[in-house]
mmCIF file of all heavy atoms, coordinates in Angstrom:
data_MODEL
# 
_entry.id   MODEL 
# 
loop_
_atom_site.group_PDB 
_atom_site.id 
_atom_site.type_symbol 
_atom_site.label_atom_id 
_atom_site.label_alt_id 
_atom_site.label_comp_id 
_atom_site.label_asym_id 
_atom_site.label_entity_id 
_atom_site.label_seq_id 
_atom_site.pdbx_PDB_ins_code 
_atom_site.Cartn_x 
_atom_site.Cartn_y 
_atom_site.Cartn_z 
_atom_site.occupancy 
_atom_site.B_iso_or_equiv 
_atom_site.pdbx_formal_charge 
_atom_site.auth_seq_id 
_atom_site.auth_comp_id 
_atom_site.auth_asym_id 
_atom_site.auth_atom_id 
_atom_site.pdbx_PDB_model_num 
ATOM 1   N N   . GLY A 1 1  ? -24.122 4.618   246.978 1.00 0.00 ? 1  GLY A N   1 
ATOM 2   C CA  . GLY A 1 1  ? -24.196 5.888   247.691 1.00 0.00 ? 1  GLY A CA  1 
ATOM 3   C C   . GLY A 1 1  ? -24.643 7.055   246.832 1.00 0.00 ? 1  GLY A C   1 
ATOM 4   O O   . GLY A 1 1  ? -24.422 8.215   247.192 1.00 0.00 ? 1  GLY A O   1 
ATOM 5   N N   . ALA A 1 2  ? -25.272 6.771   245.698 1.00 0.00 ? 2  ALA A N   1 
ATOM 6   C CA  . ALA A 1 2  ? -25.687 7.848   244.794 1.00 0.00 ? 2  ALA A CA  1 
ATOM 7   C C   . ALA A 1 2  ? -27.186 8.067   244.920 1.00 0.00 ? 2  ALA A C   1 
ATOM 8   O O   . ALA A 1 2  ? -27.984 7.260   244.448 1.00 0.00 ? 2  ALA A O   1 
ATOM 9   C CB  . ALA A 1 2  ? -25.314 7.490   243.356 1.00 0.00 ? 2  ALA A CB  1 
ATOM 10  N N   . HIS A 1 3  ? -27.576 9.147   245.573 1.00 0.00 ? 3  HIS A N   1 
ATOM 11  C CA  . HIS A 1 3  ? -28.999 9.443   245.723 1.00 0.00 ? 3  HIS A CA  1 
ATOM 12  C C   . HIS A 1 3  ? -29.497 10.196  244.494 1.00 0.00 ? 3  HIS A C   1 
ATOM 13  O O   . HIS A 1 3  ? -29.035 11.297  244.202 1.00 0.00 ? 3  HIS A O   1 
ATOM 14  C CB  . HIS A 1 3  ? -29.267 10.273  246.968 1.00 0.00 ? 3  HIS A CB  1 
ATOM 15  C CG  . HIS A 1 3  ? -30.705 10.694  247.064 1.00 0.00 ? 3  HIS A CG  1 
ATOM 16  N ND1 . HIS A 1 3  ? -31.691 9.837   247.501 1.00 0.00 ? 3  HIS A ND1 1 
ATOM 17  C CD2 . HIS A 1 3  ? -31.326 11.852  246.722 1.00 0.00 ? 3  HIS A CD2 1 
ATOM 18  C CE1 . HIS A 1 3  ? -32.864 10.460  247.445 1.00 0.00 ? 3  HIS A CE1 1 
ATOM 19  N NE2 . HIS A 1 3  ? -32.665 11.675  246.973 1.00 0.00 ? 3  HIS A NE2 1 
ATOM 20  N N   . HIS A 1 4  ? -30.413 9.598   243.766 1.00 0.00 ? 4  HIS A N   1 
ATOM 21  C CA  . HIS A 1 4  ? -30.988 10.253  242.589 1.00 0.00 ? 4  HIS A CA  1 
ATOM 22  C C   . HIS A 1 4  ? -32.383 10.778  242.922 1.00 0.00 ? 4  HIS A C   1 
ATOM 23  O O   . HIS A 1 4  ? -32.951 10.484  243.978 1.00 0.00 ? 4  HIS A O   1 
ATOM 24  C CB  . HIS A 1 4  ? -31.051 9.273   241.413 1.00 0.00 ? 4  HIS A CB  1 
ATOM 25  C CG  . HIS A 1 4  ? -31.867 8.051   241.687 1.00 0.00 ? 4  HIS A CG  1 
ATOM 26  N ND1 . HIS A 1 4  ? -33.249 8.063   241.699 1.00 0.00 ? 4  HIS A ND1 1 
ATOM 27  C CD2 . HIS A 1 4  ? -31.518 6.761   241.976 1.00 0.00 ? 4  HIS A CD2 1 
ATOM 28  C CE1 . HIS A 1 4  ? -33.708 6.861   241.962 1.00 0.00 ? 4  HIS A CE1 1 
ATOM 29  N NE2 . HIS A 1 4  ? -32.679 6.050   242.149 1.00 0.00 ? 4  HIS A NE2 1 
ATOM 30  N N   . PHE A 1 5  ? -32.949 11.548  241.998 1.00 0.00 ? 5  PHE A N   1 
ATOM 31  C CA  . PHE A 1 5  ? -34.255 12.157  242.197 1.00 0.00 ? 5  PHE A CA  1 
ATOM 32  C C   . PHE A 1 5  ? -35.344 11.528  241.326 1.00 0.00 ? 5  PHE A C   1 
ATOM 33  O O   . PHE A 1 5  ? -36.432 12.096  241.208 1.00 0.00 ? 5  PHE A O   1 
ATOM 34  C CB  . PHE A 1 5  ? -34.190 13.660  241.879 1.00 0.00 ? 5  PHE A CB  1 
ATOM 35  C CG  . PHE A 1 5  ? -33.367 14.457  242.845 1.00 0.00 ? 5  PHE A CG  1 
ATOM 36  C CD1 . PHE A 1 5  ? -32.198 15.072  242.436 1.00 0.00 ? 5  PHE A CD1 1 
ATOM 37  C CD2 . PHE A 1 5  ? -33.770 14.612  244.168 1.00 0.00 ? 5  PHE A CD2 1 
ATOM 38  C CE1 . PHE A 1 5  ? -31.440 15.823  243.318 1.00 0.00 ? 5  PHE A CE1 1 
ATOM 39  C CE2 . PHE A 1 5  ? -33.020 15.361  245.060 1.00 0.00 ? 5  PHE A CE2 1 
ATOM 40  C CZ  . PHE A 1 5  ? -31.847 15.964  244.632 1.00 0.00 ? 5  PHE A CZ  1 
ATOM 41  N N   . SER A 1 6  ? -35.065 10.400  240.710 1.00 0.00 ? 6  SER A N   1 
ATOM 42  C CA  . SER A 1 6  ? -36.004 9.828   239.744 1.00 0.00 ? 6  SER A CA  1 
ATOM 43  C C   . SER A 1 6  ? -37.287 9.321   240.385 1.00 0.00 ? 6  SER A C   1 
ATOM 44  O O   . SER A 1 6  ? -38.283 9.112   239.686 1.00 0.00 ? 6  SER A O   1 
ATOM 45  C CB  . SER A 1 6  ? -35.325 8.701   238.963 1.00 0.00 ? 6  SER A CB  1 
ATOM 46  O OG  . SER A 1 6  ? -34.226 9.199   238.240 1.00 0.00 ? 6  SER A OG  1 
ATOM 47  N N   . LEU A 1 7  ? -37.270 9.112   241.688 1.00 0.00 ? 7  LEU A N   1 
ATOM 48  C CA  . LEU A 1 7  ? -38.484 8.707   242.411 1.00 0.00 ? 7  LEU A CA  1 
ATOM 49  C C   . LEU A 1 7  ? -38.990 9.835   243.304 1.00 0.00 ? 7  LEU A C   1 
ATOM 50  O O   . LEU A 1 7  ? -39.772 9.606   244.224 1.00 0.00 ? 7  LEU A O   1 
ATOM 51  C CB  . LEU A 1 7  ? -38.203 7.448   243.237 1.00 0.00 ? 7  LEU A CB  1 
ATOM 52  C CG  . LEU A 1 7  ? -37.846 6.198   242.420 1.00 0.00 ? 7  LEU A CG  1 
ATOM 53  C CD1 . LEU A 1 7  ? -37.346 5.078   243.327 1.00 0.00 ? 7  LEU A CD1 1 
ATOM 54  C CD2 . LEU A 1 7  ? -39.034 5.728   241.604 1.00 0.00 ? 7  LEU A CD2 1 
ATOM 55  N N   . GLY A 1 8  ? -38.563 11.047  242.993 1.00 0.00 ? 8  GLY A N   1 
ATOM 56  C CA  . GLY A 1 8  ? -38.971 12.189  243.789 1.00 0.00 ? 8  GLY A CA  1 
ATOM 57  C C   . GLY A 1 8  ? -38.084 12.374  245.005 1.00 0.00 ? 8  GLY A C   1 
ATOM 58  O O   . GLY A 1 8  ? -37.042 11.727  245.162 1.00 0.00 ? 8  GLY A O   1 
ATOM 59  N N   . PHE A 1 9  ? -38.517 13.264  245.882 1.00 0.00 ? 9  PHE A N   1 
ATOM 60  C CA  . PHE A 1 9  ? -37.741 13.560  247.093 1.00 0.00 ? 9  PHE A CA  1 
ATOM 61  C C   . PHE A 1 9  ? -38.646 14.318  248.058 1.00 0.00 ? 9  PHE A C   1 
ATOM 62  O O   . PHE A 1 9  ? -39.557 15.029  247.646 1.00 0.00 ? 9  PHE A O   1 
ATOM 63  C CB  . PHE A 1 9  ? -36.507 14.405  246.739 1.00 0.00 ? 9  PHE A CB  1 
ATOM 64  C CG  . PHE A 1 9  ? -35.544 14.595  247.881 1.00 0.00 ? 9  PHE A CG  1 
ATOM 65  C CD1 . PHE A 1 9  ? -34.827 13.519  248.384 1.00 0.00 ? 9  PHE A CD1 1 
ATOM 66  C CD2 . PHE A 1 9  ? -35.360 15.840  248.462 1.00 0.00 ? 9  PHE A CD2 1 
ATOM 67  C CE1 . PHE A 1 9  ? -33.933 13.681  249.437 1.00 0.00 ? 9  PHE A CE1 1 
ATOM 68  C CE2 . PHE A 1 9  ? -34.476 16.021  249.509 1.00 0.00 ? 9  PHE A CE2 1 
ATOM 69  C CZ  . PHE A 1 9  ? -33.760 14.928  249.997 1.00 0.00 ? 9  PHE A CZ  1 
ATOM 70  N N   . GLY A 1 10 ? -38.401 14.149  249.339 1.00 0.00 ? 10 GLY A N   1 
ATOM 71  C CA  . GLY A 1 10 ? -39.164 14.891  250.332 1.00 0.00 ? 10 GLY A CA  1 
ATOM 72  C C   . GLY A 1 10 ? -40.590 14.381  250.447 1.00 0.00 ? 10 GLY A C   1 
ATOM 73  O O   . GLY A 1 10 ? -40.864 13.175  250.353 1.00 0.00 ? 10 GLY A O   1 
ATOM 74  N N   . THR A 1 11 ? -41.525 15.307  250.633 1.00 0.00 ? 11 THR A N   1 
ATOM 75  C CA  . THR A 1 11 ? -42.919 14.973  250.882 1.00 0.00 ? 11 THR A CA  1 
ATOM 76  C C   . THR A 1 11 ? -43.514 14.098  249.787 1.00 0.00 ? 11 THR A C   1 
ATOM 77  O O   . THR A 1 11 ? -44.320 13.209  250.053 1.00 0.00 ? 11 THR A O   1 
ATOM 78  C CB  . THR A 1 11 ? -43.754 16.265  251.009 1.00 0.00 ? 11 THR A CB  1 
ATOM 79  O OG1 . THR A 1 11 ? -43.223 17.047  252.070 1.00 0.00 ? 11 THR A OG1 1 
ATOM 80  C CG2 . THR A 1 11 ? -45.211 15.940  251.309 1.00 0.00 ? 11 THR A CG2 1 
ATOM 81  N N   . HIS A 1 12 ? -43.112 14.344  248.541 1.00 0.00 ? 12 HIS A N   1 
ATOM 82  C CA  . HIS A 1 12 ? -43.700 13.641  247.410 1.00 0.00 ? 12 HIS A CA  1 
ATOM 83  C C   . HIS A 1 12 ? -42.848 12.468  246.928 1.00 0.00 ? 12 HIS A C   1 
ATOM 84  O O   . HIS A 1 12 ? -42.962 12.052  245.771 1.00 0.00 ? 12 HIS A O   1 
ATOM 85  C CB  . HIS A 1 12 ? -43.949 14.615  246.258 1.00 0.00 ? 12 HIS A CB  1 
ATOM 86  C CG  . HIS A 1 12 ? -45.127 15.515  246.491 1.00 0.00 ? 12 HIS A CG  1 
ATOM 87  N ND1 . HIS A 1 12 ? -45.032 16.670  247.220 1.00 0.00 ? 12 HIS A ND1 1 
ATOM 88  C CD2 . HIS A 1 12 ? -46.430 15.410  246.114 1.00 0.00 ? 12 HIS A CD2 1 
ATOM 89  C CE1 . HIS A 1 12 ? -46.222 17.267  247.264 1.00 0.00 ? 12 HIS A CE1 1 
ATOM 90  N NE2 . HIS A 1 12 ? -47.078 16.512  246.612 1.00 0.00 ? 12 HIS A NE2 1 
ATOM 91  N N   . TYR A 1 13 ? -42.008 11.943  247.801 1.00 0.00 ? 13 TYR A N   1 
ATOM 92  C CA  . TYR A 1 13 ? -41.240 10.762  247.421 1.00 0.00 ? 13 TYR A CA  1 
ATOM 93  C C   . TYR A 1 13 ? -42.207 9.646   247.015 1.00 0.00 ? 13 TYR A C   1 
ATOM 94  O O   . TYR A 1 13 ? -43.235 9.439   247.657 1.00 0.00 ? 13 TYR A O   1 
ATOM 95  C CB  . TYR A 1 13 ? -40.369 10.300  248.587 1.00 0.00 ? 13 TYR A CB  1 
ATOM 96  C CG  . TYR A 1 13 ? -39.388 9.207   248.244 1.00 0.00 ? 13 TYR A CG  1 
ATOM 97  C CD1 . TYR A 1 13 ? -38.407 9.408   247.289 1.00 0.00 ? 13 TYR A CD1 1 
ATOM 98  C CD2 . TYR A 1 13 ? -39.438 7.970   248.874 1.00 0.00 ? 13 TYR A CD2 1 
ATOM 99  C CE1 . TYR A 1 13 ? -37.497 8.414   246.969 1.00 0.00 ? 13 TYR A CE1 1 
ATOM 100 C CE2 . TYR A 1 13 ? -38.539 6.966   248.567 1.00 0.00 ? 13 TYR A CE2 1 
ATOM 101 C CZ  . TYR A 1 13 ? -37.567 7.192   247.605 1.00 0.00 ? 13 TYR A CZ  1 
ATOM 102 O OH  . TYR A 1 13 ? -36.670 6.190   247.285 1.00 0.00 ? 13 TYR A OH  1 
ATOM 103 N N   . CYS A 1 14 ? -41.892 8.960   245.927 1.00 0.00 ? 14 CYS A N   1 
ATOM 104 C CA  . CYS A 1 14 ? -42.806 7.994   245.316 1.00 0.00 ? 14 CYS A CA  1 
ATOM 105 C C   . CYS A 1 14 ? -43.338 6.981   246.334 1.00 0.00 ? 14 CYS A C   1 
ATOM 106 O O   . CYS A 1 14 ? -42.568 6.224   246.938 1.00 0.00 ? 14 CYS A O   1 
ATOM 107 C CB  . CYS A 1 14 ? -42.107 7.265   244.185 1.00 0.00 ? 14 CYS A CB  1 
ATOM 108 S SG  . CYS A 1 14 ? -43.118 5.985   243.406 1.00 0.00 ? 14 CYS A SG  1 
ATOM 109 N N   . LEU A 1 15 ? -44.652 6.957   246.499 1.00 0.00 ? 15 LEU A N   1 
ATOM 110 C CA  . LEU A 1 15 ? -45.289 6.067   247.466 1.00 0.00 ? 15 LEU A CA  1 
ATOM 111 C C   . LEU A 1 15 ? -45.084 4.599   247.086 1.00 0.00 ? 15 LEU A C   1 
ATOM 112 O O   . LEU A 1 15 ? -44.958 3.737   247.957 1.00 0.00 ? 15 LEU A O   1 
ATOM 113 C CB  . LEU A 1 15 ? -46.780 6.393   247.546 1.00 0.00 ? 15 LEU A CB  1 
ATOM 114 C CG  . LEU A 1 15 ? -47.606 5.657   248.603 1.00 0.00 ? 15 LEU A CG  1 
ATOM 115 C CD1 . LEU A 1 15 ? -47.101 5.980   250.000 1.00 0.00 ? 15 LEU A CD1 1 
ATOM 116 C CD2 . LEU A 1 15 ? -49.073 6.050   248.472 1.00 0.00 ? 15 LEU A CD2 1 
ATOM 117 N N   . GLY A 1 16 ? -45.061 4.313   245.786 1.00 0.00 ? 16 GLY A N   1 
ATOM 118 C CA  . GLY A 1 16 ? -44.920 2.938   245.325 1.00 0.00 ? 16 GLY A CA  1 
ATOM 119 C C   . GLY A 1 16 ? -43.513 2.544   244.950 1.00 0.00 ? 16 GLY A C   1 
ATOM 120 O O   . GLY A 1 16 ? -43.312 1.565   244.222 1.00 0.00 ? 16 GLY A O   1 
ATOM 121 N N   . GLN A 1 17 ? -42.509 3.269   245.482 1.00 0.00 ? 17 GLN A N   1 
ATOM 122 C CA  . GLN A 1 17 ? -41.123 3.004   245.065 1.00 0.00 ? 17 GLN A CA  1 
ATOM 123 C C   . GLN A 1 17 ? -40.665 1.582   245.396 1.00 0.00 ? 17 GLN A C   1 
ATOM 124 O O   . GLN A 1 17 ? -39.950 0.958   244.616 1.00 0.00 ? 17 GLN A O   1 
ATOM 125 C CB  . GLN A 1 17 ? -40.172 4.045   245.666 1.00 0.00 ? 17 GLN A CB  1 
ATOM 126 C CG  . GLN A 1 17 ? -40.199 4.171   247.173 1.00 0.00 ? 17 GLN A CG  1 
ATOM 127 C CD  . GLN A 1 17 ? -39.325 3.160   247.883 1.00 0.00 ? 17 GLN A CD  1 
ATOM 128 O OE1 . GLN A 1 17 ? -38.386 2.614   247.297 1.00 0.00 ? 17 GLN A OE1 1 
ATOM 129 N NE2 . GLN A 1 17 ? -39.636 2.880   249.150 1.00 0.00 ? 17 GLN A NE2 1 
ATOM 130 N N   . ALA A 1 18 ? -41.079 1.048   246.539 1.00 0.00 ? 18 ALA A N   1 
ATOM 131 C CA  . ALA A 1 18 ? -40.664 -0.314  246.894 1.00 0.00 ? 18 ALA A CA  1 
ATOM 132 C C   . ALA A 1 18 ? -41.250 -1.330  245.922 1.00 0.00 ? 18 ALA A C   1 
ATOM 133 O O   . ALA A 1 18 ? -40.583 -2.297  245.530 1.00 0.00 ? 18 ALA A O   1 
ATOM 134 C CB  . ALA A 1 18 ? -41.090 -0.640  248.321 1.00 0.00 ? 18 ALA A CB  1 
ATOM 135 N N   . LEU A 1 19 ? -42.489 -1.111  245.508 1.00 0.00 ? 19 LEU A N   1 
ATOM 136 C CA  . LEU A 1 19 ? -43.119 -2.008  244.546 1.00 0.00 ? 19 LEU A CA  1 
ATOM 137 C C   . LEU A 1 19 ? -42.452 -1.895  243.185 1.00 0.00 ? 19 LEU A C   1 
ATOM 138 O O   . LEU A 1 19 ? -42.195 -2.911  242.531 1.00 0.00 ? 19 LEU A O   1 
ATOM 139 C CB  . LEU A 1 19 ? -44.610 -1.680  244.430 1.00 0.00 ? 19 LEU A CB  1 
ATOM 140 C CG  . LEU A 1 19 ? -45.409 -2.536  243.441 1.00 0.00 ? 19 LEU A CG  1 
ATOM 141 C CD1 . LEU A 1 19 ? -45.342 -4.006  243.824 1.00 0.00 ? 19 LEU A CD1 1 
ATOM 142 C CD2 . LEU A 1 19 ? -46.859 -2.058  243.381 1.00 0.00 ? 19 LEU A CD2 1 
ATOM 143 N N   . ALA A 1 20 ? -42.148 -0.687  242.745 1.00 0.00 ? 20 ALA A N   1 
ATOM 144 C CA  . ALA A 1 20 ? -41.480 -0.498  241.454 1.00 0.00 ? 20 ALA A CA  1 
ATOM 145 C C   . ALA A 1 20 ? -40.116 -1.177  241.438 1.00 0.00 ? 20 ALA A C   1 
ATOM 146 O O   . ALA A 1 20 ? -39.743 -1.840  240.461 1.00 0.00 ? 20 ALA A O   1 
ATOM 147 C CB  . ALA A 1 20 ? -41.331 0.986   241.158 1.00 0.00 ? 20 ALA A CB  1 
ATOM 148 N N   . ARG A 1 21 ? -39.377 -1.024  242.535 1.00 0.00 ? 21 ARG A N   1 
ATOM 149 C CA  . ARG A 1 21 ? -38.057 -1.663  242.613 1.00 0.00 ? 21 ARG A CA  1 
ATOM 150 C C   . ARG A 1 21 ? -38.186 -3.186  242.611 1.00 0.00 ? 21 ARG A C   1 
ATOM 151 O O   . ARG A 1 21 ? -37.386 -3.889  241.983 1.00 0.00 ? 21 ARG A O   1 
ATOM 152 C CB  . ARG A 1 21 ? -37.330 -1.195  243.869 1.00 0.00 ? 21 ARG A CB  1 
ATOM 153 C CG  . ARG A 1 21 ? -36.770 0.222   243.786 1.00 0.00 ? 21 ARG A CG  1 
ATOM 154 C CD  . ARG A 1 21 ? -35.938 0.532   245.027 1.00 0.00 ? 21 ARG A CD  1 
ATOM 155 N NE  . ARG A 1 21 ? -35.115 1.711   244.855 1.00 0.00 ? 21 ARG A NE  1 
ATOM 156 C CZ  . ARG A 1 21 ? -35.392 2.899   245.371 1.00 0.00 ? 21 ARG A CZ  1 
ATOM 157 N NH1 . ARG A 1 21 ? -36.501 3.065   246.085 1.00 0.00 ? 21 ARG A NH1 1 
ATOM 158 N NH2 . ARG A 1 21 ? -34.576 3.923   245.191 1.00 0.00 ? 21 ARG A NH2 1 
ATOM 159 N N   . LEU A 1 22 ? -39.190 -3.699  243.327 1.00 0.00 ? 22 LEU A N   1 
ATOM 160 C CA  . LEU A 1 22 ? -39.404 -5.144  243.362 1.00 0.00 ? 22 LEU A CA  1 
ATOM 161 C C   . LEU A 1 22 ? -39.727 -5.669  241.970 1.00 0.00 ? 22 LEU A C   1 
ATOM 162 O O   . LEU A 1 22 ? -39.141 -6.663  241.517 1.00 0.00 ? 22 LEU A O   1 
ATOM 163 C CB  . LEU A 1 22 ? -40.539 -5.477  244.326 1.00 0.00 ? 22 LEU A CB  1 
ATOM 164 C CG  . LEU A 1 22 ? -41.028 -6.936  244.320 1.00 0.00 ? 22 LEU A CG  1 
ATOM 165 C CD1 . LEU A 1 22 ? -39.927 -7.861  244.811 1.00 0.00 ? 22 LEU A CD1 1 
ATOM 166 C CD2 . LEU A 1 22 ? -42.290 -7.080  245.170 1.00 0.00 ? 22 LEU A CD2 1 
ATOM 167 N N   . GLU A 1 23 ? -40.665 -5.036  241.275 1.00 0.00 ? 23 GLU A N   1 
ATOM 168 C CA  . GLU A 1 23 ? -41.035 -5.490  239.942 1.00 0.00 ? 23 GLU A CA  1 
ATOM 169 C C   . GLU A 1 23 ? -39.837 -5.464  238.998 1.00 0.00 ? 23 GLU A C   1 
ATOM 170 O O   . GLU A 1 23 ? -39.596 -6.429  238.254 1.00 0.00 ? 23 GLU A O   1 
ATOM 171 C CB  . GLU A 1 23 ? -42.143 -4.602  239.376 1.00 0.00 ? 23 GLU A CB  1 
ATOM 172 C CG  . GLU A 1 23 ? -43.478 -4.765  240.057 1.00 0.00 ? 23 GLU A CG  1 
ATOM 173 C CD  . GLU A 1 23 ? -44.505 -3.823  239.474 1.00 0.00 ? 23 GLU A CD  1 
ATOM 174 O OE1 . GLU A 1 23 ? -45.141 -4.199  238.466 1.00 0.00 ? 23 GLU A OE1 1 
ATOM 175 O OE2 . GLU A 1 23 ? -44.685 -2.714  240.002 1.00 0.00 ? 23 GLU A OE2 1 
ATOM 176 N N   . ALA A 1 24 ? -39.085 -4.361  239.010 1.00 0.00 ? 24 ALA A N   1 
ATOM 177 C CA  . ALA A 1 24 ? -37.937 -4.238  238.111 1.00 0.00 ? 24 ALA A CA  1 
ATOM 178 C C   . ALA A 1 24 ? -36.879 -5.282  238.438 1.00 0.00 ? 24 ALA A C   1 
ATOM 179 O O   . ALA A 1 24 ? -36.292 -5.904  237.531 1.00 0.00 ? 24 ALA A O   1 
ATOM 180 C CB  . ALA A 1 24 ? -37.349 -2.835  238.205 1.00 0.00 ? 24 ALA A CB  1 
ATOM 181 N N   . ARG A 1 25 ? -36.621 -5.493  239.732 1.00 0.00 ? 25 ARG A N   1 
ATOM 182 C CA  . ARG A 1 25 ? -35.611 -6.490  240.116 1.00 0.00 ? 25 ARG A CA  1 
ATOM 183 C C   . ARG A 1 25 ? -35.994 -7.883  239.645 1.00 0.00 ? 25 ARG A C   1 
ATOM 184 O O   . ARG A 1 25 ? -35.182 -8.589  239.027 1.00 0.00 ? 25 ARG A O   1 
ATOM 185 C CB  . ARG A 1 25 ? -35.424 -6.484  241.636 1.00 0.00 ? 25 ARG A CB  1 
ATOM 186 C CG  . ARG A 1 25 ? -34.547 -7.637  242.143 1.00 0.00 ? 25 ARG A CG  1 
ATOM 187 C CD  . ARG A 1 25 ? -34.305 -7.569  243.619 1.00 0.00 ? 25 ARG A CD  1 
ATOM 188 N NE  . ARG A 1 25 ? -35.489 -7.727  244.436 1.00 0.00 ? 25 ARG A NE  1 
ATOM 189 C CZ  . ARG A 1 25 ? -36.038 -8.915  244.742 1.00 0.00 ? 25 ARG A CZ  1 
ATOM 190 N NH1 . ARG A 1 25 ? -35.529 -10.038 244.241 1.00 0.00 ? 25 ARG A NH1 1 
ATOM 191 N NH2 . ARG A 1 25 ? -37.095 -8.980  245.535 1.00 0.00 ? 25 ARG A NH2 1 
ATOM 192 N N   . VAL A 1 26 ? -37.238 -8.286  239.910 1.00 0.00 ? 26 VAL A N   1 
ATOM 193 C CA  . VAL A 1 26 ? -37.655 -9.637  239.544 1.00 0.00 ? 26 VAL A CA  1 
ATOM 194 C C   . VAL A 1 26 ? -37.673 -9.801  238.025 1.00 0.00 ? 26 VAL A C   1 
ATOM 195 O O   . VAL A 1 26 ? -37.230 -10.832 237.505 1.00 0.00 ? 26 VAL A O   1 
ATOM 196 C CB  . VAL A 1 26 ? -39.036 -9.950  240.150 1.00 0.00 ? 26 VAL A CB  1 
ATOM 197 C CG1 . VAL A 1 26 ? -39.549 -11.293 239.634 1.00 0.00 ? 26 VAL A CG1 1 
ATOM 198 C CG2 . VAL A 1 26 ? -38.948 -9.972  241.674 1.00 0.00 ? 26 VAL A CG2 1 
ATOM 199 N N   . MET A 1 27 ? -38.152 -8.803  237.312 1.00 0.00 ? 27 MET A N   1 
ATOM 200 C CA  . MET A 1 27 ? -38.165 -8.906  235.850 1.00 0.00 ? 27 MET A CA  1 
ATOM 201 C C   . MET A 1 27 ? -36.751 -9.060  235.294 1.00 0.00 ? 27 MET A C   1 
ATOM 202 O O   . MET A 1 27 ? -36.509 -9.878  234.395 1.00 0.00 ? 27 MET A O   1 
ATOM 203 C CB  . MET A 1 27 ? -38.852 -7.693  235.231 1.00 0.00 ? 27 MET A CB  1 
ATOM 204 C CG  . MET A 1 27 ? -40.368 -7.782  235.244 1.00 0.00 ? 27 MET A CG  1 
ATOM 205 S SD  . MET A 1 27 ? -41.169 -6.507  234.219 1.00 0.00 ? 27 MET A SD  1 
ATOM 206 C CE  . MET A 1 27 ? -41.281 -5.174  235.412 1.00 0.00 ? 27 MET A CE  1 
ATOM 207 N N   . LEU A 1 28 ? -35.799 -8.289  235.826 1.00 0.00 ? 28 LEU A N   1 
ATOM 208 C CA  . LEU A 1 28 ? -34.425 -8.398  235.347 1.00 0.00 ? 28 LEU A CA  1 
ATOM 209 C C   . LEU A 1 28 ? -33.799 -9.731  235.738 1.00 0.00 ? 28 LEU A C   1 
ATOM 210 O O   . LEU A 1 28 ? -33.055 -10.334 234.950 1.00 0.00 ? 28 LEU A O   1 
ATOM 211 C CB  . LEU A 1 28 ? -33.588 -7.236  235.874 1.00 0.00 ? 28 LEU A CB  1 
ATOM 212 C CG  . LEU A 1 28 ? -33.835 -5.879  235.202 1.00 0.00 ? 28 LEU A CG  1 
ATOM 213 C CD1 . LEU A 1 28 ? -32.983 -4.804  235.855 1.00 0.00 ? 28 LEU A CD1 1 
ATOM 214 C CD2 . LEU A 1 28 ? -33.526 -5.956  233.710 1.00 0.00 ? 28 LEU A CD2 1 
# 
């Protein structure tokens, strides 16, 4: 439940956030 700002927020929320999370998850 902790919303951080590391991927932006609002209009400029990171377009590739799902891909970044996928890559990081699989690598870990």
